PDB file of N, CA and C in Angstrom:
ATOM      1  N   SER A   1       8.194  21.316  -1.814  1.00  0.00           N
ATOM      2  CA  SER A   1       9.712  21.647  -1.254  1.00  0.00           C
ATOM      3  C   SER A   1      10.274  22.722  -0.340  1.00  0.00           C
ATOM      4  N   SER A   2       9.831  23.863  -0.996  1.00  0.00           N
ATOM      5  CA  SER A   2       9.951  24.906  -0.123  1.00  0.00           C
ATOM      6  C   SER A   2       8.997  25.026   1.280  1.00  0.00           C
ATOM      7  N   GLY A   3       8.208  24.894   1.141  1.00  0.00           N
ATOM      8  CA  GLY A   3       7.030  24.434   2.515  1.00  0.00           C
ATOM      9  C   GLY A   3       7.886  23.807   3.432  1.00  0.00           C
ATOM     10  N   ILE A   4       8.751  22.768   2.744  1.00  0.00           N
ATOM     11  CA  ILE A   4       9.381  22.052   4.190  1.00  0.00           C
ATOM     12  C   ILE A   4      10.678  22.512   4.567  1.00  0.00           C
ATOM     13  N   ASN A   5      11.050  22.939   3.613  1.00  0.00           N
ATOM     14  CA  ASN A   5      12.065  24.130   3.890  1.00  0.00           C
ATOM     15  C   ASN A   5      12.112  24.986   4.872  1.00  0.00           C
ATOM     16  N   ALA A   6      10.896  25.282   4.902  1.00  0.00           N
ATOM     17  CA  ALA A   6      10.448  26.349   5.555  1.00  0.00           C
ATOM     18  C   ALA A   6      10.046  26.524   6.913  1.00  0.00           C
ATOM     19  N   GLU A   7       9.726  24.760   6.907  1.00  0.00           N
ATOM     20  CA  GLU A   7       9.452  24.490   8.600  1.00  0.00           C
ATOM     21  C   GLU A   7      10.768  23.728   8.956  1.00  0.00           C
ATOM     22  N   TRP A   8      11.746  23.402   8.510  1.00  0.00           N
ATOM     23  CA  TRP A   8      12.829  23.216   9.099  1.00  0.00           C
ATOM     24  C   TRP A   8      12.914  23.811  10.338  1.00  0.00           C
ATOM     25  N   PRO A   9      13.292  25.133  10.183  1.00  0.00           N
ATOM     26  CA  PRO A   9      13.749  25.986  11.188  1.00  0.00           C
ATOM     27  C   PRO A   9      13.009  26.095  12.702  1.00  0.00           C
ATOM     28  N   LEU A  10      11.932  25.884  12.547  1.00  0.00           N
ATOM     29  CA  LEU A  10      10.831  25.829  13.517  1.00  0.00           C
ATOM     30  C   LEU A  10      10.816  24.586  14.490  1.00  0.00           C
ATOM     31  N   ARG A  11      11.252  23.398  13.674  1.00  0.00           N
ATOM     32  CA  ARG A  11      11.531  22.376  14.381  1.00  0.00           C
ATOM     33  C   ARG A  11      12.581  22.014  15.875  1.00  0.00           C
ATOM     34  N   PRO A  12      13.568  22.721  15.966  1.00  0.00           N
ATOM     35  CA  PRO A  12      14.182  22.767  16.895  1.00  0.00           C
ATOM     36  C   PRO A  12      13.729  23.321  17.948  1.00  0.00           C
ATOM     37  N   GLY A  13      12.622  24.181  17.718  1.00  0.00           N
ATOM     38  CA  GLY A  13      12.026  24.906  18.959  1.00  0.00           C
ATOM     39  C   GLY A  13      11.621  24.329  19.744  1.00  0.00           C
ATOM     40  N   GLY A  14      10.875  23.498  19.368  1.00  0.00           N
ATOM     41  CA  GLY A  14      10.198  22.594  20.748  1.00  0.00           C
ATOM     42  C   GLY A  14       8.954  22.787  20.961  1.00  0.00           C
ATOM     43  N   ILE A  15       7.935  23.842  20.393  1.00  0.00           N
ATOM     44  CA  ILE A  15       6.906  24.225  20.931  1.00  0.00           C
ATOM     45  C   ILE A  15       6.032  23.095  20.682  1.00  0.00           C
ATOM     46  N   ASN A  16       5.979  21.798  19.448  1.00  0.00           N
ATOM     47  CA  ASN A  16       4.781  20.846  19.847  1.00  0.00           C
ATOM     48  C   ASN A  16       5.460  20.148  20.972  1.00  0.00           C
ATOM     49  N   THR A  17       6.716  19.672  21.314  1.00  0.00           N
ATOM     50  CA  THR A  17       6.766  18.950  22.906  1.00  0.00           C
ATOM     51  C   THR A  17       6.112  19.595  23.832  1.00  0.00           C
ATOM     52  N   VAL A  18       6.231  21.439  24.063  1.00  0.00           N
ATOM     53  CA  VAL A  18       5.454  21.929  24.795  1.00  0.00           C
ATOM     54  C   VAL A  18       3.840  21.752  25.022  1.00  0.00           C
ATOM     55  N   ILE A  19       3.398  21.602  23.840  1.00  0.00           N
ATOM     56  CA  ILE A  19       1.693  21.744  23.702  1.00  0.00           C
ATOM     57  C   ILE A  19       1.699  20.381  24.089  1.00  0.00           C
ATOM     58  N   TYR A  20       2.178  18.856  23.604  1.00  0.00           N
ATOM     59  CA  TYR A  20       2.091  17.819  23.647  1.00  0.00           C
ATOM     60  C   TYR A  20       1.932  17.268  25.230  1.00  0.00           C
ATOM     61  N   TYR A  21       2.817  17.847  25.965  1.00  0.00           N
ATOM     62  CA  TYR A  21       3.328  17.758  27.533  1.00  0.00           C
ATOM     63  C   TYR A  21       2.718  18.588  28.525  1.00  0.00           C
ATOM     64  N   SER A  22       1.658  19.757  27.845  1.00  0.00           N
ATOM     65  CA  SER A  22       1.033  20.584  28.779  1.00  0.00           C
ATOM     66  C   SER A  22       0.671  20.118  29.915  1.00  0.00           C
ATOM     67  N   ALA A  23      -0.207  19.134  29.810  1.00  0.00           N
ATOM     68  CA  ALA A  23      -1.008  18.953  30.875  1.00  0.00           C
ATOM     69  C   ALA A  23       0.205  18.660  32.166  1.00  0.00           C
ATOM     70  N   THR A  24       0.990  18.230  31.767  1.00  0.00           N
ATOM     71  CA  THR A  24       2.264  17.471  32.742  1.00  0.00           C
ATOM     72  C   THR A  24       2.748  18.342  33.147  1.00  0.00           C
ATOM     73  N   ILE A  25       3.196  19.680  32.060  1.00  0.00           N
ATOM     74  CA  ILE A  25       3.977  20.761  32.917  1.00  0.00           C
ATOM     75  C   ILE A  25       3.208  21.641  33.463  1.00  0.00           C
ATOM     76  N   LEU A  26       2.132  21.280  33.352  1.00  0.00           N
ATOM     77  CA  LEU A  26       1.312  22.345  34.308  1.00  0.00           C
ATOM     78  C   LEU A  26       1.058  21.530  35.489  1.00  0.00           C
ATOM     79  N   VAL A  27       0.444  20.091  35.954  1.00  0.00           N
ATOM     80  CA  VAL A  27       0.217  19.751  37.125  1.00  0.00           C
ATOM     81  C   VAL A  27       1.870  20.027  37.504  1.00  0.00           C
ATOM     82  N   MET A  28       2.830  20.046  37.075  1.00  0.00           N
ATOM     83  CA  MET A  28       4.059  19.997  37.776  1.00  0.00           C
ATOM     84  C   MET A  28       4.567  21.368  38.247  1.00  0.00           C
ATOM     85  N   SER A  29       3.362  22.309  37.461  1.00  0.00           N
ATOM     86  CA  SER A  29       3.838  23.691  38.428  1.00  0.00           C
ATOM     87  C   SER A  29       3.003  24.136  39.381  1.00  0.00           C
ATOM     88  N   GLY A  30       2.067  23.119  39.845  1.00  0.00           N
ATOM     89  CA  GLY A  30       1.158  23.201  40.909  1.00  0.00           C
ATOM     90  C   GLY A  30      -0.310  22.843  40.481  1.00  0.00           C
ATOM     91  N   ALA A  31      -0.480  23.334  39.560  1.00  0.00           N
ATOM     92  CA  ALA A  31      -2.267  23.445  38.702  1.00  0.00           C
ATOM     93  C   ALA A  31      -2.764  21.684  39.242  1.00  0.00           C
ATOM     94  N   SER A  32      -3.919  21.718  39.683  1.00  0.00           N
ATOM     95  CA  SER A  32      -4.663  20.528  39.772  1.00  0.00           C
ATOM     96  C   SER A  32      -4.749  19.681  38.440  1.00  0.00           C
ATOM     97  N   SER A  33      -5.057  18.061  38.648  1.00  0.00           N
ATOM     98  CA  SER A  33      -5.170  17.603  37.354  1.00  0.00           C
ATOM     99  C   SER A  33      -6.250  17.730  36.538  1.00  0.00           C
ATOM    100  N   ASN A  34      -7.171  17.956  37.026  1.00  0.00           N
ATOM    101  CA  ASN A  34      -8.546  18.380  36.260  1.00  0.00           C
ATOM    102  C   ASN A  34      -8.157  19.735  35.464  1.00  0.00           C
ATOM    103  N   LYS A  35      -8.194  20.785  35.907  1.00  0.00           N
ATOM    104  CA  LYS A  35      -7.158  22.227  35.523  1.00  0.00           C
ATOM    105  C   LYS A  35      -6.654  21.863  34.462  1.00  0.00           C
ATOM    106  N   ALA A  36      -5.282  21.116  34.682  1.00  0.00           N
ATOM    107  CA  ALA A  36      -4.187  20.965  33.790  1.00  0.00           C
ATOM    108  C   ALA A  36      -4.907  20.264  32.587  1.00  0.00           C
ATOM    109  N   ILE A  37      -5.843  19.580  32.439  1.00  0.00           N
ATOM    110  CA  ILE A  37      -6.202  19.114  31.503  1.00  0.00           C
ATOM    111  C   ILE A  37      -7.148  19.788  30.251  1.00  0.00           C
ATOM    112  N   TRP A  38      -7.962  20.578  31.158  1.00  0.00           N
ATOM    113  CA  TRP A  38      -8.924  21.609  30.296  1.00  0.00           C
ATOM    114  C   TRP A  38      -8.141  22.721  30.015  1.00  0.00           C
ATOM    115  N   LEU A  39      -6.817  23.441  30.843  1.00  0.00           N
ATOM    116  CA  LEU A  39      -6.147  24.726  30.291  1.00  0.00           C
ATOM    117  C   LEU A  39      -5.012  23.907  29.007  1.00  0.00           C
ATOM    118  N   SER A  40      -4.702  22.270  28.898  1.00  0.00           N
ATOM    119  CA  SER A  40      -3.826  21.715  27.823  1.00  0.00           C
ATOM    120  C   SER A  40      -4.982  21.773  26.694  1.00  0.00           C
ATOM    121  N   ALA A  41      -6.267  21.570  26.894  1.00  0.00           N
ATOM    122  CA  ALA A  41      -7.327  21.125  25.793  1.00  0.00           C
ATOM    123  C   ALA A  41      -7.682  22.838  24.710  1.00  0.00           C
ATOM    124  N   ALA A  42      -7.312  23.766  25.968  1.00  0.00           N
ATOM    125  CA  ALA A  42      -7.263  25.200  25.258  1.00  0.00           C
ATOM    126  C   ALA A  42      -6.154  25.358  24.505  1.00  0.00           C
ATOM    127  N   VAL A  43      -4.800  25.320  25.277  1.00  0.00           N
ATOM    128  CA  VAL A  43      -3.571  25.315  24.365  1.00  0.00           C
ATOM    129  C   VAL A  43      -3.805  24.468  22.951  1.00  0.00           C
ATOM    130  N   SER A  44      -4.546  23.252  23.251  1.00  0.00           N
ATOM    131  CA  SER A  44      -4.268  22.474  21.653  1.00  0.00           C
ATOM    132  C   SER A  44      -5.665  23.249  21.230  1.00  0.00           C
ATOM    133  N   THR A  45      -6.280  23.745  21.459  1.00  0.00           N
ATOM    134  CA  THR A  45      -7.542  24.274  20.514  1.00  0.00           C
ATOM    135  C   THR A  45      -7.065  25.309  20.014  1.00  0.00           C
ATOM    136  N   ALA A  46      -6.279  26.401  20.706  1.00  0.00           N
ATOM    137  CA  ALA A  46      -5.837  27.334  20.198  1.00  0.00           C
ATOM    138  C   ALA A  46      -4.753  27.341  19.080  1.00  0.00           C
ATOM    139  N   ASN A  47      -3.829  26.122  19.359  1.00  0.00           N
ATOM    140  CA  ASN A  47      -3.001  26.018  18.455  1.00  0.00           C
ATOM    141  C   ASN A  47      -3.709  25.205  16.935  1.00  0.00           C
ATOM    142  N   VAL A  48      -4.841  24.698  17.027  1.00  0.00           N
ATOM    143  CA  VAL A  48      -5.639  24.238  15.759  1.00  0.00           C
ATOM    144  C   VAL A  48      -6.153  25.597  15.181  1.00  0.00           C
ATOM    145  N   ALA A  49      -6.449  26.108  16.328  1.00  0.00           N
ATOM    146  CA  ALA A  49      -7.255  27.793  15.485  1.00  0.00           C
ATOM    147  C   ALA A  49      -6.345  28.641  14.583  1.00  0.00           C
ATOM    148  N   LEU A  50      -5.164  28.635  15.268  1.00  0.00           N
ATOM    149  CA  LEU A  50      -4.069  29.601  14.577  1.00  0.00           C
ATOM    150  C   LEU A  50      -3.425  29.216  13.346  1.00  0.00           C
ATOM    151  N   THR A  51      -3.302  27.247  13.753  1.00  0.00           N
ATOM    152  CA  THR A  51      -3.176  26.699  12.379  1.00  0.00           C
ATOM    153  C   THR A  51      -4.191  27.563  10.751  1.00  0.00           C
ATOM    154  N   PHE A  52      -5.347  27.352  11.416  1.00  0.00           N
ATOM    155  CA  PHE A  52      -5.771  27.463  10.134  1.00  0.00           C
ATOM    156  C   PHE A  52      -5.476  29.256   9.988  1.00  0.00           C
ATOM    157  N   ILE A  53      -5.715  29.981  10.943  1.00  0.00           N
ATOM    158  CA  ILE A  53      -5.275  31.602  10.334  1.00  0.00           C
ATOM    159  C   ILE A  53      -3.898  32.018  10.073  1.00  0.00           C
ATOM    160  N   GLY A  54      -3.006  30.744  10.203  1.00  0.00           N
ATOM    161  CA  GLY A  54      -1.660  30.979   9.517  1.00  0.00           C
ATOM    162  C   GLY A  54      -1.806  30.842   7.988  1.00  0.00           C
ATOM    163  N   ILE A  55      -2.402  29.371   7.897  1.00  0.00           N
ATOM    164  CA  ILE A  55      -2.989  29.216   6.432  1.00  0.00           C
ATOM    165  C   ILE A  55      -3.668  29.877   5.430  1.00  0.00           C
ATOM    166  N   VAL A  56      -4.329  30.617   6.169  1.00  0.00           N
ATOM    167  CA  VAL A  56      -5.071  32.398   5.381  1.00  0.00           C
ATOM    168  C   VAL A  56      -3.736  33.102   5.373  1.00  0.00           C
ATOM    169  N   SER A  57      -3.079  33.454   5.991  1.00  0.00           N
ATOM    170  CA  SER A  57      -2.249  34.166   6.382  1.00  0.00           C
ATOM    171  C   SER A  57      -0.810  34.101   5.505  1.00  0.00           C
ATOM    172  N   VAL A  58      -0.930  33.202   5.192  1.00  0.00           N
ATOM    173  CA  VAL A  58       0.342  32.546   3.935  1.00  0.00           C
ATOM    174  C   VAL A  58      -0.013  33.482   2.967  1.00  0.00           C
ATOM    175  N   GLU A  59      -1.316  33.346   1.977  1.00  0.00           N
ATOM    176  CA  GLU A  59      -1.476  34.663   1.042  1.00  0.00           C
ATOM    177  C   GLU A  59      -1.434  35.452   0.845  1.00  0.00           C
ATOM    178  N   ARG A  60      -1.443  36.233   1.897  1.00  0.00           N
ATOM    179  CA  ARG A  60      -1.534  37.891   2.376  1.00  0.00           C
ATOM    180  C   ARG A  60      -0.383  38.358   2.904  1.00  0.00           C
ATOM    181  N   PHE A  61       0.254  37.589   3.377  1.00  0.00           N
ATOM    182  CA  PHE A  61       1.773  38.292   3.583  1.00  0.00           C
ATOM    183  C   PHE A  61       2.885  37.282   2.904  1.00  0.00           C
ATOM    184  N   GLY A  62       2.630  36.189   2.711  1.00  0.00           N
ATOM    185  CA  GLY A  62       4.108  35.287   2.433  1.00  0.00           C
ATOM    186  C   GLY A  62       4.338  34.601   3.357  1.00  0.00           C
ATOM    187  N   ARG A  63       5.298  33.556   2.966  1.00  0.00           N
ATOM    188  CA  ARG A  63       5.969  32.591   4.150  1.00  0.00           C
ATOM    189  C   ARG A  63       7.059  33.110   4.728  1.00  0.00           C
ATOM    190  N   LYS A  64       7.750  34.011   3.988  1.00  0.00           N
ATOM    191  CA  LYS A  64       9.109  34.535   4.682  1.00  0.00           C
ATOM    192  C   LYS A  64       8.365  35.477   6.127  1.00  0.00           C
ATOM    193  N   ILE A  65       7.910  35.902   5.957  1.00  0.00           N
ATOM    194  CA  ILE A  65       7.287  37.384   6.591  1.00  0.00           C
ATOM    195  C   ILE A  65       6.758  36.505   7.875  1.00  0.00           C
ATOM    196  N   LEU A  66       5.958  35.034   7.738  1.00  0.00           N
ATOM    197  CA  LEU A  66       5.136  34.395   8.720  1.00  0.00           C
ATOM    198  C   LEU A  66       6.517  33.575   9.464  1.00  0.00           C
ATOM    199  N   LEU A  67       7.609  33.260   8.814  1.00  0.00           N
ATOM    200  CA  LEU A  67       8.105  32.022   9.162  1.00  0.00           C
ATOM    201  C   LEU A  67       8.824  32.911  10.085  1.00  0.00           C
ATOM    202  N   MET A  68       9.460  34.232   9.822  1.00  0.00           N
ATOM    203  CA  MET A  68      10.638  34.711  10.714  1.00  0.00           C
ATOM    204  C   MET A  68       9.474  35.592  12.064  1.00  0.00           C
ATOM    205  N   GLY A  69       8.033  35.653  11.521  1.00  0.00           N
ATOM    206  CA  GLY A  69       7.577  36.327  12.504  1.00  0.00           C
ATOM    207  C   GLY A  69       6.991  35.220  13.792  1.00  0.00           C
ATOM    208  N   SER A  70       6.779  33.643  13.308  1.00  0.00           N
ATOM    209  CA  SER A  70       6.879  32.936  14.372  1.00  0.00           C
ATOM    210  C   SER A  70       7.759  32.272  15.053  1.00  0.00           C
ATOM    211  N   MET A  71       9.043  32.513  14.421  1.00  0.00           N
ATOM    212  CA  MET A  71       9.898  32.063  15.081  1.00  0.00           C
ATOM    213  C   MET A  71      10.503  33.247  16.147  1.00  0.00           C
ATOM    214  N   ILE A  72       9.984  34.210  16.315  1.00  0.00           N
ATOM    215  CA  ILE A  72      10.396  35.377  17.106  1.00  0.00           C
ATOM    216  C   ILE A  72       9.482  34.963  17.962  1.00  0.00           C
ATOM    217  N   VAL A  73       8.100  35.242  17.842  1.00  0.00           N
ATOM    218  CA  VAL A  73       7.084  34.550  18.654  1.00  0.00           C
ATOM    219  C   VAL A  73       7.390  33.155  19.826  1.00  0.00           C
ATOM    220  N   MET A  74       7.897  32.270  19.110  1.00  0.00           N
ATOM    221  CA  MET A  74       7.887  31.200  19.469  1.00  0.00           C
ATOM    222  C   MET A  74       9.405  31.001  20.385  1.00  0.00           C
ATOM    223  N   MET A  75      10.614  31.758  20.005  1.00  0.00           N
ATOM    224  CA  MET A  75      11.441  32.148  20.699  1.00  0.00           C
ATOM    225  C   MET A  75      11.101  33.125  22.463  1.00  0.00           C
ATOM    226  N   ILE A  76      10.223  33.901  21.713  1.00  0.00           N
ATOM    227  CA  ILE A  76       9.884  34.644  23.435  1.00  0.00           C
ATOM    228  C   ILE A  76       8.885  34.152  24.132  1.00  0.00           C
ATOM    229  N   GLY A  77       8.095  32.943  23.617  1.00  0.00           N
ATOM    230  CA  GLY A  77       6.998  32.039  24.069  1.00  0.00           C
ATOM    231  C   GLY A  77       8.252  31.246  25.165  1.00  0.00           C
ATOM    232  N   LEU A  78       8.966  30.632  24.689  1.00  0.00           N
ATOM    233  CA  LEU A  78      10.128  29.401  25.442  1.00  0.00           C
ATOM    234  C   LEU A  78      10.600  29.934  26.042  1.00  0.00           C
ATOM    235  N   THR A  79      11.596  31.298  26.216  1.00  0.00           N
ATOM    236  CA  THR A  79      12.095  32.230  26.729  1.00  0.00           C
ATOM    237  C   THR A  79      11.102  32.453  28.391  1.00  0.00           C
ATOM    238  N   LEU A  80       9.903  32.699  28.095  1.00  0.00           N
ATOM    239  CA  LEU A  80       9.091  32.830  29.173  1.00  0.00           C
ATOM    240  C   LEU A  80       8.355  31.527  29.930  1.00  0.00           C
ATOM    241  N   LEU A  81       8.526  30.429  29.086  1.00  0.00           N
ATOM    242  CA  LEU A  81       8.239  29.416  30.007  1.00  0.00           C
ATOM    243  C   LEU A  81       9.402  29.007  30.738  1.00  0.00           C
ATOM    244  N   GLY A  82      11.099  29.006  30.445  1.00  0.00           N
ATOM    245  CA  GLY A  82      11.798  28.840  30.932  1.00  0.00           C
ATOM    246  C   GLY A  82      11.837  29.749  32.165  1.00  0.00           C
ATOM    247  N   ILE A  83      11.674  31.165  32.256  1.00  0.00           N
ATOM    248  CA  ILE A  83      11.997  31.943  33.063  1.00  0.00           C
ATOM    249  C   ILE A  83      10.589  31.369  34.167  1.00  0.00           C
ATOM    250  N   SER A  84       9.538  31.043  33.657  1.00  0.00           N
ATOM    251  CA  SER A  84       8.821  30.455  34.671  1.00  0.00           C
ATOM    252  C   SER A  84       9.156  29.452  35.630  1.00  0.00           C
ATOM    253  N   PHE A  85       9.889  28.664  34.914  1.00  0.00           N
ATOM    254  CA  PHE A  85       9.932  27.609  35.671  1.00  0.00           C
ATOM    255  C   PHE A  85      11.474  27.859  36.540  1.00  0.00           C
ATOM    256  N   ILE A  86      12.006  29.131  36.390  1.00  0.00           N
ATOM    257  CA  ILE A  86      13.533  29.173  37.558  1.00  0.00           C
ATOM    258  C   ILE A  86      12.263  30.201  38.327  1.00  0.00           C
ATOM    259  N   VAL A  87      11.438  30.852  38.092  1.00  0.00           N
ATOM    260  CA  VAL A  87      10.673  31.748  39.129  1.00  0.00           C
ATOM    261  C   VAL A  87      10.132  30.673  40.102  1.00  0.00           C
ATOM    262  N   ILE A  88       8.993  29.393  39.541  1.00  0.00           N
ATOM    263  CA  ILE A  88       8.655  28.308  40.233  1.00  0.00           C
ATOM    264  C   ILE A  88       9.889  27.945  41.334  1.00  0.00           C
ATOM    265  N   ASP A  89      11.039  27.464  40.428  1.00  0.00           N
ATOM    266  CA  ASP A  89      11.960  26.570  41.718  1.00  0.00           C
ATOM    267  C   ASP A  89      12.308  27.965  42.439  1.00  0.00           C
ATOM    268  N   LYS A  90      12.511  29.244  42.398  1.00  0.00           N
ATOM    269  CA  LYS A  90      12.803  30.093  43.329  1.00  0.00           C
ATOM    270  C   LYS A  90      12.046  30.046  44.344  1.00  0.00           C
ATOM    271  N   SER A  91      10.614  29.979  44.102  1.00  0.00           N
ATOM    272  CA  SER A  91       9.729  30.412  45.011  1.00  0.00           C
ATOM    273  C   SER A  91       8.728  29.036  45.565  1.00  0.00           C
ATOM    274  N   SER A  92       9.412  28.127  45.373  1.00  0.00           N
ATOM    275  CA  SER A  92       8.483  26.625  46.162  1.00  0.00           C
ATOM    276  C   SER A  92       8.871  26.792  47.487  1.00  0.00           C
ATOM    277  N   GLN A  93       8.024  26.356  48.117  1.00  0.00           N
ATOM    278  CA  GLN A  93       7.483  26.355  49.560  1.00  0.00           C
ATOM    279  C   GLN A  93       8.440  25.173  50.452  1.00  0.00           C
ATOM    280  N   GLY A  94       9.054  24.014  49.366  1.00  0.00           N
ATOM    281  CA  GLY A  94       9.666  23.499  50.113  1.00  0.00           C
ATOM    282  C   GLY A  94       9.900  21.856  49.025  1.00  0.00           C
ATOM    283  N   ILE A  95      10.641  20.853  50.086  1.00  0.00           N
ATOM    284  CA  ILE A  95      10.435  19.681  49.250  1.00  0.00           C
ATOM    285  C   ILE A  95      10.013  18.492  50.252  1.00  0.00           C
ATOM    286  N   LEU A  96       9.520  17.961  49.821  1.00  0.00           N
ATOM    287  CA  LEU A  96       8.648  16.553  50.927  1.00  0.00           C
ATOM    288  C   LEU A  96       9.396  15.401  50.638  1.00  0.00           C
ATOM    289  N   THR A  97       9.934  15.296  51.662  1.00  0.00           N
ATOM    290  CA  THR A  97      10.837  13.803  51.698  1.00  0.00           C
ATOM    291  C   THR A  97      10.178  12.533  52.537  1.00  0.00           C
ATOM    292  N   THR A  98       9.204  12.678  52.685  1.00  0.00           N
ATOM    293  CA  THR A  98       8.839  11.753  53.770  1.00  0.00           C
ATOM    294  C   THR A  98       8.589  10.530  53.057  1.00  0.00           C
ATOM    295  N   GLY A  99       9.164   9.606  53.661  1.00  0.00           N
ATOM    296  CA  GLY A  99       9.255   7.933  53.239  1.00  0.00           C
ATOM    297  C   GLY A  99       9.896   7.777  51.458  1.00  0.00           C
ATOM    298  N   VAL A 100      10.531   8.660  51.129  1.00  0.00           N
ATOM    299  CA  VAL A 100      11.009   8.523  49.458  1.00  0.00           C
ATOM    300  C   VAL A 100      12.340   7.948  49.608  1.00  0.00           C
ATOM    301  N   GLY A 101      13.322   8.053  50.801  1.00  0.00           N
ATOM    302  CA  GLY A 101      14.485   7.624  51.059  1.00  0.00           C
ATOM    303  C   GLY A 101      15.352   9.450  51.392  1.00  0.00           C
ATOM    304  N   GLU A 102      16.886   9.557  51.144  1.00  0.00           N
ATOM    305  CA  GLU A 102      17.932   9.969  51.323  1.00  0.00           C
ATOM    306  C   GLU A 102      17.716  11.442  50.272  1.00  0.00           C
ATOM    307  N   CYS A 103      16.647  12.270  50.227  1.00  0.00           N
ATOM    308  CA  CYS A 103      16.955  13.461  49.538  1.00  0.00           C
ATOM    309  C   CYS A 103      17.714  14.332  49.941  1.00  0.00           C
ATOM    310  N   VAL A 104      18.626  15.020  49.258  1.00  0.00           N
ATOM    311  CA  VAL A 104      19.671  15.714  49.461  1.00  0.00           C
ATOM    312  C   VAL A 104      19.484  16.842  48.758  1.00  0.00           C
ATOM    313  N   ALA A 105      18.387  17.089  47.769  1.00  0.00           N
ATOM    314  CA  ALA A 105      18.340  18.446  46.983  1.00  0.00           C
ATOM    315  C   ALA A 105      18.194  19.810  47.872  1.00  0.00           C
ATOM    316  N   THR A 106      18.254  20.750  47.272  1.00  0.00           N
ATOM    317  CA  THR A 106      18.216  21.986  48.176  1.00  0.00           C
ATOM    318  C   THR A 106      17.210  22.731  47.386  1.00  0.00           C
ATOM    319  N   SER A 107      16.612  22.407  46.226  1.00  0.00           N
ATOM    320  CA  SER A 107      15.802  23.196  45.731  1.00  0.00           C
ATOM    321  C   SER A 107      14.748  22.122  44.552  1.00  0.00           C
ATOM    322  N   CYS A 108      13.320  23.135  44.203  1.00  0.00           N
ATOM    323  CA  CYS A 108      12.345  22.140  43.623  1.00  0.00           C
ATOM    324  C   CYS A 108      13.030  21.134  42.110  1.00  0.00           C
ATOM    325  N   TYR A 109      13.886  22.086  41.364  1.00  0.00           N
ATOM    326  CA  TYR A 109      14.520  21.468  39.989  1.00  0.00           C
ATOM    327  C   TYR A 109      15.125  20.318  40.549  1.00  0.00           C
ATOM    328  N   ALA A 110      16.255  20.499  41.750  1.00  0.00           N
ATOM    329  CA  ALA A 110      17.126  19.065  42.031  1.00  0.00           C
ATOM    330  C   ALA A 110      16.360  17.935  42.052  1.00  0.00           C
ATOM    331  N   CYS A 111      15.249  18.133  43.363  1.00  0.00           N
ATOM    332  CA  CYS A 111      14.250  17.145  43.572  1.00  0.00           C
ATOM    333  C   CYS A 111      14.096  16.433  42.635  1.00  0.00           C
ATOM    334  N   LEU A 112      13.482  17.104  41.375  1.00  0.00           N
ATOM    335  CA  LEU A 112      13.236  16.326  40.735  1.00  0.00           C
ATOM    336  C   LEU A 112      13.824  15.794  39.410  1.00  0.00           C
ATOM    337  N   GLN A 113      14.966  15.997  39.462  1.00  0.00           N
ATOM    338  CA  GLN A 113      15.786  15.564  38.674  1.00  0.00           C
ATOM    339  C   GLN A 113      16.480  13.711  39.419  1.00  0.00           C
ATOM    340  N   SER A 114      16.319  14.026  40.820  1.00  0.00           N
ATOM    341  CA  SER A 114      16.566  12.844  41.640  1.00  0.00           C
ATOM    342  C   SER A 114      15.643  11.668  41.708  1.00  0.00           C
ATOM    343  N   ASP A 115      16.211  10.701  42.183  1.00  0.00           N
ATOM    344  CA  ASP A 115      14.972   9.895  42.054  1.00  0.00           C
ATOM    345  C   ASP A 115      14.879   9.127  43.559  1.00  0.00           C
ATOM    346  N   LEU A 116      16.023  10.024  44.183  1.00  0.00           N
ATOM    347  CA  LEU A 116      15.908   9.717  46.164  1.00  0.00           C
ATOM    348  C   LEU A 116      14.387  10.455  46.555  1.00  0.00           C
ATOM    349  N   CYS A 117      14.228  11.412  45.983  1.00  0.00           N
ATOM    350  CA  CYS A 117      13.405  12.890  46.528  1.00  0.00           C
ATOM    351  C   CYS A 117      12.067  12.213  46.483  1.00  0.00           C
ATOM    352  N   GLY A 118      10.959  13.579  46.854  1.00  0.00           N
ATOM    353  CA  GLY A 118       9.630  13.283  46.726  1.00  0.00           C
ATOM    354  C   GLY A 118       9.384  14.297  45.833  1.00  0.00           C
ATOM    355  N   THR A 119       8.390  15.276  46.283  1.00  0.00           N
ATOM    356  CA  THR A 119       7.449  15.851  45.013  1.00  0.00           C
ATOM    357  C   THR A 119       7.693  17.563  45.755  1.00  0.00           C
ATOM    358  N   CYS A 120       7.871  18.475  44.551  1.00  0.00           N
ATOM    359  CA  CYS A 120       8.251  20.038  45.897  1.00  0.00           C
ATOM    360  C   CYS A 120       6.911  20.332  45.749  1.00  0.00           C
TER     361      CYS A 120
END
């Protein structure tokens, strides 16, 4: 029961969603499909390895310290991920609109949100 209660604060962070969609996120950020799959596999492998380290660490440090530490690291990681999307949006080369309609987007992010645009 206390393990489930300790896990709930981590759920809204969405790190599992980032891991699940990591290949798609990497492709959207400009990586090739092949490279994105390998990088996604590396992220998943690190997730599994660090899970076992976490299991061992629970006995040594206790749940509360691990929960607080993991929440801080997760917030930092998700903040860096968000900043990277802003940097990519600001430094994108432009928007390709050939043959896809009347794109009126002025940034890569706006282009991705519109059904009328192409790719960034």
